[in-house]
Amino acid sequence: MSRRAADYLHGWIATHVSHVSPARKLDEGERLAKACRRSAQEQGISEAELASACGDLGTYMLQALDEAAEHDAMRSQYESD
C-alpha cells in the first residue's frame, strides 16, 4: 500500500467530503472520486497508488459519504440531548 496515497486520501476526504442527501449520494460519490483522482494526479499520485491505498475510489468515496452521514447523525443526537 502506498502510505503517501493513503495519507493524501485521508486529508482530501477530511477537506472535501460532507453529508449529502441519500438522493444525491451516488452522483456526489462519482463527482468526489473524479475530483480526488484529478487532484491526486496533480500531486504526482498515480491511479495505481490510489487503488493500492483504497481499492475502488468510487466505492471508497461512497463509504466516506456514509461515514459523514453517520457523523452528522451522531452530532445531531448529541446536540439535541
N, C-alpha and C. Protein backbone atom coordinates (compact mmCIF):
# COMPACT_ATOMS: atom_id res chain seq x y z
N MET A 1 0.85 -1.18 0.00
CA MET A 1 0.00 0.00 0.00
C MET A 1 0.89 1.24 0.00
N SER A 2 0.47 2.23 -0.72
CA SER A 2 1.19 3.49 -0.77
C SER A 2 0.78 4.35 0.42
N ARG A 3 1.71 4.55 1.33
CA ARG A 3 1.43 5.37 2.51
C ARG A 3 1.13 6.81 2.09
N ARG A 4 1.87 7.26 1.08
CA ARG A 4 1.67 8.62 0.57
C ARG A 4 0.24 8.79 0.05
N ALA A 5 -0.25 7.81 -0.71
CA ALA A 5 -1.61 7.88 -1.25
C ALA A 5 -2.64 7.79 -0.12
N ALA A 6 -2.40 6.93 0.85
CA ALA A 6 -3.34 6.79 1.98
C ALA A 6 -3.42 8.09 2.77
N ASP A 7 -2.28 8.71 3.03
CA ASP A 7 -2.27 9.99 3.74
C ASP A 7 -2.98 11.06 2.93
N TYR A 8 -2.73 11.06 1.64
CA TYR A 8 -3.36 12.04 0.76
C TYR A 8 -4.89 11.87 0.80
N LEU A 9 -5.36 10.64 0.66
CA LEU A 9 -6.80 10.37 0.68
C LEU A 9 -7.43 10.83 1.98
N HIS A 10 -6.79 10.52 3.07
CA HIS A 10 -7.34 10.90 4.38
C HIS A 10 -7.52 12.42 4.46
N GLY A 11 -6.50 13.15 4.08
CA GLY A 11 -6.58 14.61 4.13
C GLY A 11 -7.58 15.17 3.13
N TRP A 12 -7.62 14.59 1.93
CA TRP A 12 -8.52 15.08 0.90
C TRP A 12 -9.97 14.88 1.33
N ILE A 13 -10.26 13.71 1.86
CA ILE A 13 -11.63 13.41 2.30
C ILE A 13 -12.03 14.34 3.45
N ALA A 14 -11.13 14.56 4.39
CA ALA A 14 -11.45 15.44 5.52
C ALA A 14 -11.80 16.85 5.04
N THR A 15 -11.21 17.27 3.95
CA THR A 15 -11.43 18.62 3.43
C THR A 15 -12.64 18.71 2.51
N HIS A 16 -12.93 17.65 1.75
CA HIS A 16 -13.90 17.76 0.66
C HIS A 16 -15.21 16.97 0.84
N VAL A 17 -15.26 16.04 1.76
CA VAL A 17 -16.45 15.18 1.88
C VAL A 17 -17.32 15.65 3.03
N SER A 18 -18.60 15.82 2.74
CA SER A 18 -19.57 16.16 3.78
C SER A 18 -20.88 15.44 3.46
N HIS A 19 -21.74 15.41 4.44
CA HIS A 19 -23.01 14.70 4.30
C HIS A 19 -23.85 15.28 3.17
N VAL A 20 -24.44 14.41 2.38
CA VAL A 20 -25.40 14.81 1.34
C VAL A 20 -26.65 13.95 1.50
N SER A 21 -27.72 14.38 0.90
CA SER A 21 -28.96 13.61 0.98
C SER A 21 -28.77 12.27 0.26
N PRO A 22 -29.50 11.25 0.71
CA PRO A 22 -29.40 9.94 0.05
C PRO A 22 -29.68 10.01 -1.45
N ALA A 23 -30.55 10.90 -1.87
CA ALA A 23 -30.88 11.03 -3.29
C ALA A 23 -29.69 11.50 -4.12
N ARG A 24 -28.75 12.21 -3.50
CA ARG A 24 -27.58 12.75 -4.21
C ARG A 24 -26.33 11.93 -4.02
N LYS A 25 -26.40 10.90 -3.18
CA LYS A 25 -25.19 10.17 -2.77
C LYS A 25 -24.41 9.58 -3.94
N LEU A 26 -25.07 8.89 -4.86
CA LEU A 26 -24.33 8.25 -5.96
C LEU A 26 -23.66 9.28 -6.86
N ASP A 27 -24.39 10.32 -7.23
CA ASP A 27 -23.80 11.37 -8.07
C ASP A 27 -22.65 12.06 -7.35
N GLU A 28 -22.83 12.33 -6.08
CA GLU A 28 -21.78 13.01 -5.31
C GLU A 28 -20.56 12.11 -5.16
N GLY A 29 -20.77 10.82 -4.94
CA GLY A 29 -19.65 9.89 -4.85
C GLY A 29 -18.84 9.86 -6.13
N GLU A 30 -19.52 9.86 -7.25
CA GLU A 30 -18.84 9.87 -8.54
C GLU A 30 -18.07 11.19 -8.74
N ARG A 31 -18.72 12.30 -8.40
CA ARG A 31 -18.06 13.60 -8.54
C ARG A 31 -16.82 13.69 -7.66
N LEU A 32 -16.95 13.23 -6.42
CA LEU A 32 -15.82 13.26 -5.49
C LEU A 32 -14.67 12.38 -5.98
N ALA A 33 -14.99 11.20 -6.49
CA ALA A 33 -13.94 10.30 -6.99
C ALA A 33 -13.18 10.95 -8.14
N LYS A 34 -13.90 11.56 -9.06
CA LYS A 34 -13.24 12.23 -10.19
C LYS A 34 -12.37 13.38 -9.71
N ALA A 35 -12.90 14.19 -8.80
CA ALA A 35 -12.15 15.34 -8.30
C ALA A 35 -10.91 14.89 -7.52
N CYS A 36 -11.05 13.87 -6.72
CA CYS A 36 -9.94 13.36 -5.94
C CYS A 36 -8.86 12.78 -6.86
N ARG A 37 -9.28 12.01 -7.83
CA ARG A 37 -8.35 11.40 -8.79
C ARG A 37 -7.56 12.50 -9.52
N ARG A 38 -8.26 13.51 -9.98
CA ARG A 38 -7.61 14.61 -10.69
C ARG A 38 -6.62 15.34 -9.78
N SER A 39 -7.04 15.64 -8.57
CA SER A 39 -6.19 16.33 -7.61
C SER A 39 -4.97 15.50 -7.25
N ALA A 40 -5.16 14.21 -7.05
CA ALA A 40 -4.05 13.32 -6.71
C ALA A 40 -3.03 13.29 -7.85
N GLN A 41 -3.51 13.21 -9.07
CA GLN A 41 -2.60 13.20 -10.21
C GLN A 41 -1.80 14.49 -10.28
N GLU A 42 -2.42 15.61 -9.94
CA GLU A 42 -1.70 16.88 -9.91
C GLU A 42 -0.60 16.88 -8.85
N GLN A 43 -0.77 16.05 -7.82
CA GLN A 43 0.22 15.93 -6.75
C GLN A 43 1.23 14.81 -7.03
N GLY A 44 1.10 14.18 -8.20
CA GLY A 44 2.03 13.12 -8.58
C GLY A 44 1.67 11.74 -8.03
N ILE A 45 0.43 11.59 -7.59
CA ILE A 45 -0.03 10.29 -7.07
C ILE A 45 -0.81 9.60 -8.18
N SER A 46 -0.35 8.42 -8.55
CA SER A 46 -0.94 7.71 -9.68
C SER A 46 -2.24 7.00 -9.31
N GLU A 47 -2.97 6.64 -10.34
CA GLU A 47 -4.20 5.85 -10.17
C GLU A 47 -3.88 4.53 -9.46
N ALA A 48 -2.75 3.93 -9.81
CA ALA A 48 -2.35 2.66 -9.18
C ALA A 48 -2.09 2.83 -7.69
N GLU A 49 -1.46 3.95 -7.31
CA GLU A 49 -1.23 4.22 -5.89
C GLU A 49 -2.54 4.40 -5.14
N LEU A 50 -3.48 5.13 -5.75
CA LEU A 50 -4.79 5.31 -5.13
C LEU A 50 -5.48 3.97 -4.94
N ALA A 51 -5.46 3.15 -5.99
CA ALA A 51 -6.11 1.83 -5.91
C ALA A 51 -5.46 0.96 -4.84
N SER A 52 -4.15 1.06 -4.71
CA SER A 52 -3.44 0.30 -3.68
C SER A 52 -3.86 0.74 -2.28
N ALA A 53 -4.13 2.03 -2.14
CA ALA A 53 -4.49 2.58 -0.83
C ALA A 53 -5.94 2.33 -0.45
N CYS A 54 -6.84 2.29 -1.46
CA CYS A 54 -8.26 2.25 -1.09
C CYS A 54 -9.11 1.28 -1.91
N GLY A 55 -8.54 0.62 -2.89
CA GLY A 55 -9.36 -0.21 -3.77
C GLY A 55 -10.06 0.69 -4.78
N ASP A 56 -11.32 0.44 -5.02
CA ASP A 56 -12.09 1.25 -5.97
C ASP A 56 -12.39 2.61 -5.36
N LEU A 57 -11.93 3.66 -6.00
CA LEU A 57 -12.07 5.01 -5.45
C LEU A 57 -13.53 5.44 -5.34
N GLY A 58 -14.36 5.07 -6.31
CA GLY A 58 -15.77 5.40 -6.25
C GLY A 58 -16.45 4.79 -5.03
N THR A 59 -16.17 3.54 -4.79
CA THR A 59 -16.73 2.84 -3.62
C THR A 59 -16.20 3.47 -2.33
N TYR A 60 -14.94 3.82 -2.34
CA TYR A 60 -14.33 4.44 -1.17
C TYR A 60 -15.00 5.78 -0.85
N MET A 61 -15.32 6.54 -1.88
CA MET A 61 -15.99 7.82 -1.66
C MET A 61 -17.41 7.61 -1.14
N LEU A 62 -18.10 6.59 -1.62
CA LEU A 62 -19.44 6.29 -1.10
C LEU A 62 -19.36 5.93 0.38
N GLN A 63 -18.33 5.18 0.75
CA GLN A 63 -18.14 4.84 2.17
C GLN A 63 -17.85 6.09 2.99
N ALA A 64 -17.06 7.00 2.42
CA ALA A 64 -16.76 8.26 3.12
C ALA A 64 -18.03 9.09 3.31
N LEU A 65 -18.89 9.08 2.30
CA LEU A 65 -20.17 9.80 2.43
C LEU A 65 -21.05 9.16 3.51
N ASP A 66 -21.05 7.83 3.58
CA ASP A 66 -21.79 7.15 4.65
C ASP A 66 -21.26 7.54 6.02
N GLU A 67 -19.95 7.59 6.15
CA GLU A 67 -19.35 7.98 7.43
C GLU A 67 -19.69 9.42 7.78
N ALA A 68 -19.71 10.29 6.78
CA ALA A 68 -20.09 11.69 7.03
C ALA A 68 -21.53 11.77 7.51
N ALA A 69 -22.41 10.97 6.93
CA ALA A 69 -23.82 10.97 7.34
C ALA A 69 -23.95 10.46 8.78
N GLU A 70 -23.20 9.39 9.12
CA GLU A 70 -23.23 8.86 10.48
C GLU A 70 -22.72 9.90 11.48
N HIS A 71 -21.66 10.58 11.11
CA HIS A 71 -21.08 11.61 11.98
C HIS A 71 -22.09 12.72 12.22
N ASP A 72 -22.76 13.17 11.17
CA ASP A 72 -23.77 14.22 11.32
C ASP A 72 -24.93 13.76 12.19
N ALA A 73 -25.35 12.52 12.02
CA ALA A 73 -26.45 11.99 12.83
C ALA A 73 -26.06 11.92 14.30
N MET A 74 -24.84 11.48 14.56
CA MET A 74 -24.38 11.42 15.95
C MET A 74 -24.27 12.81 16.55
N ARG A 75 -23.76 13.76 15.77
CA ARG A 75 -23.63 15.13 16.26
C ARG A 75 -25.00 15.72 16.55
N SER A 76 -25.96 15.48 15.67
CA SER A 76 -27.32 16.00 15.86
C SER A 76 -27.95 15.40 17.12
N GLN A 77 -27.73 14.10 17.33
CA GLN A 77 -28.28 13.44 18.52
C GLN A 77 -27.64 14.03 19.78
N TYR A 78 -26.34 14.24 19.74
CA TYR A 78 -25.63 14.81 20.89
C TYR A 78 -26.13 16.21 21.20
N GLU A 79 -26.29 17.01 20.15
CA GLU A 79 -26.74 18.38 20.35
C GLU A 79 -28.17 18.48 20.85
N SER A 80 -29.00 17.48 20.54
CA SER A 80 -30.40 17.52 20.97
C SER A 80 -30.59 17.00 22.39
N ASP A 81 -29.57 16.33 22.93
CA ASP A 81 -29.67 15.80 24.30
C ASP A 81 -29.46 16.84 25.34
